[in-house]
Amino acid sequence: MRAAAAPPHARTMALTARRPSRATVRTRAAADPPSPLDRARRFFSESDTRAKIQKLGTGMVASYGAVSNVTYAGGLAVAWIGFFKQTSLSPLSSWAAWGKLLAYYASFWVVQNFLRPARFGLAAAMAPAFDRLVDRLAARLGTTRAKAFGAYLALLGSTTMGLFVAAIMLACGPGAFRPWFFV
Protein backbone atom coordinates (compact mmCIF):
# COMPACT_ATOMS: atom_id res chain seq x y z
CA MET A 1 0.00 0.00 0.00
CA ARG A 2 1.28 3.42 -0.90
CA ALA A 3 1.64 6.14 1.74
CA ALA A 4 -0.20 9.36 1.15
CA ALA A 5 2.00 12.33 0.20
CA ALA A 6 2.21 15.15 2.72
CA PRO A 7 0.19 18.24 1.83
CA PRO A 8 2.20 21.05 0.20
CA HIS A 9 2.03 23.31 3.25
CA ALA A 10 3.56 20.58 5.45
CA ARG A 11 6.57 20.26 3.09
CA THR A 12 7.08 24.04 3.13
CA MET A 13 6.93 24.10 6.91
CA ALA A 14 9.45 21.27 7.10
CA LEU A 15 11.87 23.15 4.80
CA THR A 16 11.55 26.45 6.64
CA ALA A 17 11.89 24.79 10.02
CA ARG A 18 15.43 23.67 9.16
CA ARG A 19 16.58 27.07 7.92
CA PRO A 20 17.66 29.66 10.50
CA SER A 21 15.79 32.93 10.44
CA ARG A 22 17.39 36.06 9.02
CA ALA A 23 17.60 37.54 12.48
CA THR A 24 19.56 34.49 13.69
CA VAL A 25 21.95 34.77 10.75
CA ARG A 26 22.43 38.50 11.44
CA THR A 27 23.19 37.93 15.13
CA ARG A 28 25.65 35.15 14.30
CA ALA A 29 27.35 37.41 11.77
CA ALA A 30 27.57 40.21 14.32
CA ALA A 31 29.01 37.89 16.96
CA ASP A 32 31.70 36.28 14.75
CA PRO A 33 34.31 38.54 13.17
CA PRO A 34 34.41 38.16 9.39
CA SER A 35 37.16 36.01 7.94
CA PRO A 36 39.67 37.52 5.49
CA LEU A 37 37.89 35.72 2.66
CA ASP A 38 34.55 37.23 3.71
CA ARG A 39 36.12 40.68 3.86
CA ALA A 40 37.62 40.23 0.38
CA ARG A 41 34.25 39.05 -0.99
CA ARG A 42 32.51 42.04 0.55
CA PHE A 43 35.22 44.37 -0.77
CA PHE A 44 34.85 43.21 -4.37
CA SER A 45 31.08 42.70 -4.34
CA GLU A 46 30.17 46.29 -3.59
CA SER A 47 29.64 48.72 -6.44
CA ASP A 48 32.08 51.38 -5.28
CA THR A 49 35.16 49.13 -5.49
CA ARG A 50 37.07 51.63 -7.63
CA ALA A 51 36.57 54.37 -5.04
CA LYS A 52 37.77 52.01 -2.31
CA ILE A 53 40.89 51.13 -4.28
CA GLN A 54 41.62 54.80 -4.89
CA LYS A 55 41.14 55.43 -1.18
CA LEU A 56 43.72 52.72 -0.41
CA GLY A 57 46.12 54.69 -2.65
CA THR A 58 49.84 54.37 -2.07
CA GLY A 59 49.46 51.56 0.43
CA MET A 60 47.68 49.45 -2.18
CA VAL A 61 50.39 50.07 -4.78
CA ALA A 62 53.10 49.29 -2.22
CA SER A 63 51.46 46.10 -0.98
CA TYR A 64 50.59 44.82 -4.46
CA GLY A 65 54.18 45.46 -5.51
CA ALA A 66 55.47 43.45 -2.57
CA VAL A 67 53.03 40.58 -3.16
CA SER A 68 53.85 40.50 -6.88
CA ASN A 69 57.60 40.63 -6.31
CA VAL A 70 57.46 37.77 -3.83
CA THR A 71 55.30 35.54 -6.04
CA TYR A 72 57.07 36.18 -9.34
CA ALA A 73 60.61 36.13 -7.93
CA GLY A 74 59.74 33.04 -5.90
CA GLY A 75 58.36 31.32 -8.99
CA LEU A 76 61.44 32.24 -11.00
CA ALA A 77 63.72 30.98 -8.23
CA VAL A 78 61.85 27.66 -8.08
CA ALA A 79 62.03 27.36 -11.87
CA TRP A 80 65.76 28.23 -11.86
CA ILE A 81 66.49 25.69 -9.11
CA GLY A 82 64.43 22.99 -10.82
CA PHE A 83 66.08 23.69 -14.18
CA PHE A 84 69.57 23.54 -12.65
CA LYS A 85 68.83 20.34 -10.70
CA GLN A 86 67.43 18.68 -13.81
CA THR A 87 70.05 19.74 -16.37
CA SER A 88 73.13 20.66 -14.24
CA LEU A 89 73.39 23.76 -16.44
CA SER A 90 73.18 27.37 -15.44
CA PRO A 91 70.52 29.24 -17.39
CA LEU A 92 73.26 31.82 -17.97
CA SER A 93 75.42 29.27 -19.81
CA SER A 94 73.86 29.87 -23.22
CA TRP A 95 70.92 31.47 -24.99
CA ALA A 96 69.44 28.01 -25.52
CA ALA A 97 69.59 27.29 -21.78
CA TRP A 98 67.98 30.65 -21.07
CA GLY A 99 65.15 29.82 -23.49
CA LYS A 100 64.63 26.45 -21.80
CA LEU A 101 64.47 28.13 -18.38
CA LEU A 102 61.82 30.54 -19.66
CA ALA A 103 59.81 27.62 -21.02
CA TYR A 104 60.13 25.96 -17.60
CA TYR A 105 59.03 29.19 -15.89
CA ALA A 106 56.01 29.61 -18.18
CA SER A 107 54.00 27.08 -16.15
CA PHE A 108 54.63 29.05 -12.94
CA TRP A 109 53.66 32.26 -14.72
CA VAL A 110 50.34 30.81 -15.89
CA VAL A 111 49.47 29.59 -12.39
CA GLN A 112 50.36 32.97 -10.92
CA ASN A 113 48.04 34.72 -13.35
CA PHE A 114 45.16 32.52 -12.22
CA LEU A 115 46.01 33.51 -8.66
CA ARG A 116 45.96 37.25 -9.46
CA PRO A 117 42.56 37.89 -7.79
CA ALA A 118 43.79 36.24 -4.59
CA ARG A 119 47.02 38.26 -4.73
CA PHE A 120 45.01 41.43 -5.29
CA GLY A 121 42.77 40.63 -2.32
CA LEU A 122 45.81 39.94 -0.14
CA ALA A 123 47.34 43.24 -1.23
CA ALA A 124 44.09 45.08 -0.44
CA ALA A 125 44.04 43.55 3.03
CA MET A 126 47.67 44.55 3.62
CA ALA A 127 47.37 48.07 2.13
CA PRO A 128 46.87 49.95 5.43
CA ALA A 129 49.99 48.33 6.91
CA PHE A 130 52.07 49.31 3.89
CA ASP A 131 50.63 52.82 4.05
CA ARG A 132 51.87 53.09 7.64
CA LEU A 133 55.24 51.67 6.52
CA VAL A 134 55.67 54.43 3.92
CA ASP A 135 54.65 57.03 6.52
CA ARG A 136 57.22 55.67 8.99
CA LEU A 137 59.87 55.63 6.30
CA ALA A 138 59.09 59.28 5.47
CA ALA A 139 59.35 60.24 9.13
CA ARG A 140 62.59 58.34 9.64
CA LEU A 141 64.21 59.77 6.50
CA GLY A 142 62.80 63.23 7.20
CA THR A 143 61.49 63.61 3.67
CA THR A 144 58.25 63.82 1.73
CA ARG A 145 55.93 60.88 1.31
CA ALA A 146 56.67 60.70 -2.43
CA LYS A 147 60.42 60.41 -1.85
CA ALA A 148 59.82 57.85 0.90
CA PHE A 149 57.74 55.82 -1.55
CA GLY A 150 60.65 55.92 -4.02
CA ALA A 151 62.97 54.73 -1.25
CA TYR A 152 60.50 51.94 -0.44
CA LEU A 153 60.51 50.82 -4.09
CA ALA A 154 64.32 50.75 -4.16
CA LEU A 155 64.37 48.79 -0.90
CA LEU A 156 61.73 46.37 -2.17
CA GLY A 157 63.60 45.73 -5.43
CA SER A 158 66.98 45.20 -3.79
CA THR A 159 65.53 42.97 -1.05
CA THR A 160 63.63 40.86 -3.57
CA MET A 161 66.72 40.45 -5.76
CA GLY A 162 68.88 39.58 -2.75
CA LEU A 163 66.43 36.93 -1.56
CA PHE A 164 66.14 35.55 -5.11
CA VAL A 165 69.92 35.12 -5.44
CA ALA A 166 70.27 33.79 -1.87
CA ALA A 167 67.58 31.13 -2.42
CA ILE A 168 69.28 29.88 -5.58
CA MET A 169 72.73 29.95 -3.98
CA LEU A 170 71.50 27.98 -0.95
CA ALA A 171 69.73 25.37 -3.08
CA CYS A 172 72.26 24.97 -5.90
CA GLY A 173 75.53 26.63 -4.98
CA PRO A 174 77.49 29.11 -7.09
CA GLY A 175 77.37 26.86 -10.17
CA ALA A 176 73.79 27.94 -10.78
CA PHE A 177 75.08 31.36 -11.83
CA ARG A 178 77.98 30.19 -14.00
CA PRO A 179 77.95 32.37 -17.13
CA TRP A 180 78.56 31.14 -20.64
CA PHE A 181 82.23 32.19 -20.73
CA PHE A 182 83.10 29.88 -17.78
CA VAL A 183 81.45 26.77 -19.21
C-alpha atoms as a PDB file:
ATOM      1  CA  MET A   1       0.000   0.000   0.000  1.00  0.00           C
ATOM      2  CA  ARG A   2       1.281   3.420  -0.905  1.00  0.00           C
ATOM      3  CA  ALA A   3       1.642   6.144   1.743  1.00  0.00           C
ATOM      4  CA  ALA A   4      -0.198   9.362   1.147  1.00  0.00           C
ATOM      5  CA  ALA A   5       1.998  12.333   0.201  1.00  0.00           C
ATOM      6  CA  ALA A   6       2.207  15.150   2.717  1.00  0.00           C
ATOM      7  CA  PRO A   7       0.194  18.245   1.830  1.00  0.00           C
ATOM      8  CA  PRO A   8       2.200  21.054   0.202  1.00  0.00           C
ATOM      9  CA  HIS A   9       2.031  23.309   3.250  1.00  0.00           C
ATOM     10  CA  ALA A  10       3.565  20.575   5.449  1.00  0.00           C
ATOM     11  CA  ARG A  11       6.571  20.262   3.090  1.00  0.00           C
ATOM     12  CA  THR A  12       7.077  24.037   3.130  1.00  0.00           C
ATOM     13  CA  MET A  13       6.928  24.099   6.912  1.00  0.00           C
ATOM     14  CA  ALA A  14       9.452  21.273   7.100  1.00  0.00           C
ATOM     15  CA  LEU A  15      11.866  23.148   4.800  1.00  0.00           C
ATOM     16  CA  THR A  16      11.551  26.452   6.639  1.00  0.00           C
ATOM     17  CA  ALA A  17      11.893  24.795  10.021  1.00  0.00           C
ATOM     18  CA  ARG A  18      15.434  23.670   9.157  1.00  0.00           C
ATOM     19  CA  ARG A  19      16.584  27.068   7.919  1.00  0.00           C
ATOM     20  CA  PRO A  20      17.657  29.663  10.497  1.00  0.00           C
ATOM     21  CA  SER A  21      15.791  32.928  10.438  1.00  0.00           C
ATOM     22  CA  ARG A  22      17.393  36.057   9.017  1.00  0.00           C
ATOM     23  CA  ALA A  23      17.602  37.535  12.477  1.00  0.00           C
ATOM     24  CA  THR A  24      19.563  34.493  13.686  1.00  0.00           C
ATOM     25  CA  VAL A  25      21.950  34.773  10.754  1.00  0.00           C
ATOM     26  CA  ARG A  26      22.432  38.504  11.445  1.00  0.00           C
ATOM     27  CA  THR A  27      23.189  37.935  15.132  1.00  0.00           C
ATOM     28  CA  ARG A  28      25.651  35.151  14.295  1.00  0.00           C
ATOM     29  CA  ALA A  29      27.354  37.412  11.772  1.00  0.00           C
ATOM     30  CA  ALA A  30      27.568  40.213  14.317  1.00  0.00           C
ATOM     31  CA  ALA A  31      29.006  37.887  16.956  1.00  0.00           C
ATOM     32  CA  ASP A  32      31.698  36.283  14.754  1.00  0.00           C
ATOM     33  CA  PRO A  33      34.313  38.544  13.168  1.00  0.00           C
ATOM     34  CA  PRO A  34      34.408  38.163   9.385  1.00  0.00           C
ATOM     35  CA  SER A  35      37.155  36.015   7.940  1.00  0.00           C
ATOM     36  CA  PRO A  36      39.673  37.523   5.490  1.00  0.00           C
ATOM     37  CA  LEU A  37      37.891  35.718   2.664  1.00  0.00           C
ATOM     38  CA  ASP A  38      34.548  37.227   3.714  1.00  0.00           C
ATOM     39  CA  ARG A  39      36.124  40.684   3.858  1.00  0.00           C
ATOM     40  CA  ALA A  40      37.618  40.230   0.377  1.00  0.00           C
ATOM     41  CA  ARG A  41      34.246  39.054  -0.991  1.00  0.00           C
ATOM     42  CA  ARG A  42      32.509  42.038   0.547  1.00  0.00           C
ATOM     43  CA  PHE A  43      35.215  44.375  -0.770  1.00  0.00           C
ATOM     44  CA  PHE A  44      34.847  43.206  -4.366  1.00  0.00           C
ATOM     45  CA  SER A  45      31.078  42.695  -4.344  1.00  0.00           C
ATOM     46  CA  GLU A  46      30.174  46.289  -3.588  1.00  0.00           C
ATOM     47  CA  SER A  47      29.636  48.722  -6.439  1.00  0.00           C
ATOM     48  CA  ASP A  48      32.081  51.384  -5.279  1.00  0.00           C
ATOM     49  CA  THR A  49      35.165  49.135  -5.493  1.00  0.00           C
ATOM     50  CA  ARG A  50      37.074  51.628  -7.626  1.00  0.00           C
ATOM     51  CA  ALA A  51      36.567  54.365  -5.041  1.00  0.00           C
ATOM     52  CA  LYS A  52      37.768  52.013  -2.310  1.00  0.00           C
ATOM     53  CA  ILE A  53      40.887  51.125  -4.283  1.00  0.00           C
ATOM     54  CA  GLN A  54      41.625  54.804  -4.886  1.00  0.00           C
ATOM     55  CA  LYS A  55      41.138  55.432  -1.178  1.00  0.00           C
ATOM     56  CA  LEU A  56      43.719  52.725  -0.412  1.00  0.00           C
ATOM     57  CA  GLY A  57      46.124  54.688  -2.651  1.00  0.00           C
ATOM     58  CA  THR A  58      49.839  54.375  -2.075  1.00  0.00           C
ATOM     59  CA  GLY A  59      49.457  51.563   0.431  1.00  0.00           C
ATOM     60  CA  MET A  60      47.676  49.455  -2.184  1.00  0.00           C
ATOM     61  CA  VAL A  61      50.391  50.072  -4.776  1.00  0.00           C
ATOM     62  CA  ALA A  62      53.101  49.285  -2.225  1.00  0.00           C
ATOM     63  CA  SER A  63      51.462  46.100  -0.975  1.00  0.00           C
ATOM     64  CA  TYR A  64      50.595  44.824  -4.462  1.00  0.00           C
ATOM     65  CA  GLY A  65      54.185  45.464  -5.513  1.00  0.00           C
ATOM     66  CA  ALA A  66      55.466  43.455  -2.571  1.00  0.00           C
ATOM     67  CA  VAL A  67      53.027  40.579  -3.157  1.00  0.00           C
ATOM     68  CA  SER A  68      53.847  40.498  -6.881  1.00  0.00           C
ATOM     69  CA  ASN A  69      57.598  40.626  -6.312  1.00  0.00           C
ATOM     70  CA  VAL A  70      57.457  37.775  -3.835  1.00  0.00           C
ATOM     71  CA  THR A  71      55.299  35.538  -6.037  1.00  0.00           C
ATOM     72  CA  TYR A  72      57.070  36.185  -9.341  1.00  0.00           C
ATOM     73  CA  ALA A  73      60.611  36.127  -7.929  1.00  0.00           C
ATOM     74  CA  GLY A  74      59.736  33.037  -5.901  1.00  0.00           C
ATOM     75  CA  GLY A  75      58.359  31.316  -8.992  1.00  0.00           C
ATOM     76  CA  LEU A  76      61.437  32.241 -11.005  1.00  0.00           C
ATOM     77  CA  ALA A  77      63.715  30.980  -8.229  1.00  0.00           C
ATOM     78  CA  VAL A  78      61.848  27.661  -8.079  1.00  0.00           C
ATOM     79  CA  ALA A  79      62.033  27.361 -11.874  1.00  0.00           C
ATOM     80  CA  TRP A  80      65.757  28.233 -11.858  1.00  0.00           C
ATOM     81  CA  ILE A  81      66.494  25.691  -9.106  1.00  0.00           C
ATOM     82  CA  GLY A  82      64.425  22.994 -10.824  1.00  0.00           C
ATOM     83  CA  PHE A  83      66.084  23.685 -14.178  1.00  0.00           C
ATOM     84  CA  PHE A  84      69.573  23.543 -12.651  1.00  0.00           C
ATOM     85  CA  LYS A  85      68.832  20.337 -10.700  1.00  0.00           C
ATOM     86  CA  GLN A  86      67.425  18.680 -13.814  1.00  0.00           C
ATOM     87  CA  THR A  87      70.054  19.742 -16.369  1.00  0.00           C
ATOM     88  CA  SER A  88      73.134  20.660 -14.241  1.00  0.00           C
ATOM     89  CA  LEU A  89      73.388  23.761 -16.443  1.00  0.00           C
ATOM     90  CA  SER A  90      73.177  27.367 -15.440  1.00  0.00           C
ATOM     91  CA  PRO A  91      70.517  29.242 -17.387  1.00  0.00           C
ATOM     92  CA  LEU A  92      73.261  31.822 -17.970  1.00  0.00           C
ATOM     93  CA  SER A  93      75.425  29.266 -19.812  1.00  0.00           C
ATOM     94  CA  SER A  94      73.856  29.875 -23.224  1.00  0.00           C
ATOM     95  CA  TRP A  95      70.922  31.469 -24.992  1.00  0.00           C
ATOM     96  CA  ALA A  96      69.445  28.012 -25.515  1.00  0.00           C
ATOM     97  CA  ALA A  97      69.593  27.286 -21.779  1.00  0.00           C
ATOM     98  CA  TRP A  98      67.975  30.646 -21.073  1.00  0.00           C
ATOM     99  CA  GLY A  99      65.152  29.821 -23.494  1.00  0.00           C
ATOM    100  CA  LYS A 100      64.635  26.449 -21.795  1.00  0.00           C
ATOM    101  CA  LEU A 101      64.465  28.134 -18.385  1.00  0.00           C
ATOM    102  CA  LEU A 102      61.825  30.544 -19.655  1.00  0.00           C
ATOM    103  CA  ALA A 103      59.815  27.619 -21.023  1.00  0.00           C
ATOM    104  CA  TYR A 104      60.126  25.965 -17.601  1.00  0.00           C
ATOM    105  CA  TYR A 105      59.032  29.195 -15.888  1.00  0.00           C
ATOM    106  CA  ALA A 106      56.013  29.612 -18.183  1.00  0.00           C
ATOM    107  CA  SER A 107      54.002  27.077 -16.147  1.00  0.00           C
ATOM    108  CA  PHE A 108      54.630  29.053 -12.944  1.00  0.00           C
ATOM    109  CA  TRP A 109      53.655  32.261 -14.720  1.00  0.00           C
ATOM    110  CA  VAL A 110      50.340  30.805 -15.895  1.00  0.00           C
ATOM    111  CA  VAL A 111      49.472  29.588 -12.386  1.00  0.00           C
ATOM    112  CA  GLN A 112      50.357  32.972 -10.916  1.00  0.00           C
ATOM    113  CA  ASN A 113      48.039  34.717 -13.350  1.00  0.00           C
ATOM    114  CA  PHE A 114      45.160  32.520 -12.222  1.00  0.00           C
ATOM    115  CA  LEU A 115      46.014  33.509  -8.657  1.00  0.00           C
ATOM    116  CA  ARG A 116      45.963  37.247  -9.459  1.00  0.00           C
ATOM    117  CA  PRO A 117      42.559  37.894  -7.789  1.00  0.00           C
ATOM    118  CA  ALA A 118      43.790  36.244  -4.594  1.00  0.00           C
ATOM    119  CA  ARG A 119      47.023  38.257  -4.734  1.00  0.00           C
ATOM    120  CA  PHE A 120      45.006  41.428  -5.293  1.00  0.00           C
ATOM    121  CA  GLY A 121      42.775  40.626  -2.317  1.00  0.00           C
ATOM    122  CA  LEU A 122      45.806  39.943  -0.141  1.00  0.00           C
ATOM    123  CA  ALA A 123      47.337  43.242  -1.233  1.00  0.00           C
ATOM    124  CA  ALA A 124      44.092  45.085  -0.439  1.00  0.00           C
ATOM    125  CA  ALA A 125      44.037  43.554   3.032  1.00  0.00           C
ATOM    126  CA  MET A 126      47.674  44.550   3.623  1.00  0.00           C
ATOM    127  CA  ALA A 127      47.369  48.072   2.132  1.00  0.00           C
ATOM    128  CA  PRO A 128      46.866  49.947   5.434  1.00  0.00           C
ATOM    129  CA  ALA A 129      49.986  48.329   6.909  1.00  0.00           C
ATOM    130  CA  PHE A 130      52.065  49.313   3.891  1.00  0.00           C
ATOM    131  CA  ASP A 131      50.628  52.822   4.052  1.00  0.00           C
ATOM    132  CA  ARG A 132      51.873  53.089   7.640  1.00  0.00           C
ATOM    133  CA  LEU A 133      55.240  51.671   6.524  1.00  0.00           C
ATOM    134  CA  VAL A 134      55.668  54.426   3.915  1.00  0.00           C
ATOM    135  CA  ASP A 135      54.648  57.034   6.517  1.00  0.00           C
ATOM    136  CA  ARG A 136      57.220  55.673   8.994  1.00  0.00           C
ATOM    137  CA  LEU A 137      59.870  55.630   6.303  1.00  0.00           C
ATOM    138  CA  ALA A 138      59.090  59.277   5.465  1.00  0.00           C
ATOM    139  CA  ALA A 139      59.348  60.245   9.134  1.00  0.00           C
ATOM    140  CA  ARG A 140      62.592  58.336   9.640  1.00  0.00           C
ATOM    141  CA  LEU A 141      64.208  59.773   6.498  1.00  0.00           C
ATOM    142  CA  GLY A 142      62.803  63.233   7.204  1.00  0.00           C
ATOM    143  CA  THR A 143      61.494  63.606   3.666  1.00  0.00           C
ATOM    144  CA  THR A 144      58.246  63.820   1.732  1.00  0.00           C
ATOM    145  CA  ARG A 145      55.930  60.879   1.307  1.00  0.00           C
ATOM    146  CA  ALA A 146      56.669  60.697  -2.432  1.00  0.00           C
ATOM    147  CA  LYS A 147      60.421  60.407  -1.848  1.00  0.00           C
ATOM    148  CA  ALA A 148      59.819  57.853   0.900  1.00  0.00           C
ATOM    149  CA  PHE A 149      57.740  55.821  -1.548  1.00  0.00           C
ATOM    150  CA  GLY A 150      60.650  55.920  -4.022  1.00  0.00           C
ATOM    151  CA  ALA A 151      62.969  54.728  -1.254  1.00  0.00           C
ATOM    152  CA  TYR A 152      60.502  51.943  -0.439  1.00  0.00           C
ATOM    153  CA  LEU A 153      60.513  50.817  -4.088  1.00  0.00           C
ATOM    154  CA  ALA A 154      64.324  50.749  -4.155  1.00  0.00           C
ATOM    155  CA  LEU A 155      64.365  48.792  -0.895  1.00  0.00           C
ATOM    156  CA  LEU A 156      61.733  46.366  -2.175  1.00  0.00           C
ATOM    157  CA  GLY A 157      63.597  45.725  -5.426  1.00  0.00           C
ATOM    158  CA  SER A 158      66.980  45.200  -3.788  1.00  0.00           C
ATOM    159  CA  THR A 159      65.532  42.971  -1.053  1.00  0.00           C
ATOM    160  CA  THR A 160      63.633  40.858  -3.574  1.00  0.00           C
ATOM    161  CA  MET A 161      66.717  40.452  -5.759  1.00  0.00           C
ATOM    162  CA  GLY A 162      68.882  39.580  -2.752  1.00  0.00           C
ATOM    163  CA  LEU A 163      66.430  36.929  -1.560  1.00  0.00           C
ATOM    164  CA  PHE A 164      66.138  35.547  -5.111  1.00  0.00           C
ATOM    165  CA  VAL A 165      69.918  35.116  -5.444  1.00  0.00           C
ATOM    166  CA  ALA A 166      70.267  33.793  -1.870  1.00  0.00           C
ATOM    167  CA  ALA A 167      67.577  31.129  -2.420  1.00  0.00           C
ATOM    168  CA  ILE A 168      69.285  29.884  -5.584  1.00  0.00           C
ATOM    169  CA  MET A 169      72.733  29.952  -3.976  1.00  0.00           C
ATOM    170  CA  LEU A 170      71.503  27.979  -0.954  1.00  0.00           C
ATOM    171  CA  ALA A 171      69.728  25.371  -3.076  1.00  0.00           C
ATOM    172  CA  CYS A 172      72.258  24.973  -5.898  1.00  0.00           C
ATOM    173  CA  GLY A 173      75.534  26.632  -4.983  1.00  0.00           C
ATOM    174  CA  PRO A 174      77.492  29.113  -7.093  1.00  0.00           C
ATOM    175  CA  GLY A 175      77.368  26.861 -10.171  1.00  0.00           C
ATOM    176  CA  ALA A 176      73.786  27.941 -10.782  1.00  0.00           C
ATOM    177  CA  PHE A 177      75.077  31.363 -11.830  1.00  0.00           C
ATOM    178  CA  ARG A 178      77.980  30.186 -14.001  1.00  0.00           C
ATOM    179  CA  PRO A 179      77.950  32.373 -17.131  1.00  0.00           C
ATOM    180  CA  TRP A 180      78.564  31.141 -20.645  1.00  0.00           C
ATOM    181  CA  PHE A 181      82.233  32.189 -20.735  1.00  0.00           C
ATOM    182  CA  PHE A 182      83.097  29.876 -17.779  1.00  0.00           C
ATOM    183  CA  VAL A 183      81.452  26.768 -19.209  1.00  0.00           C
END
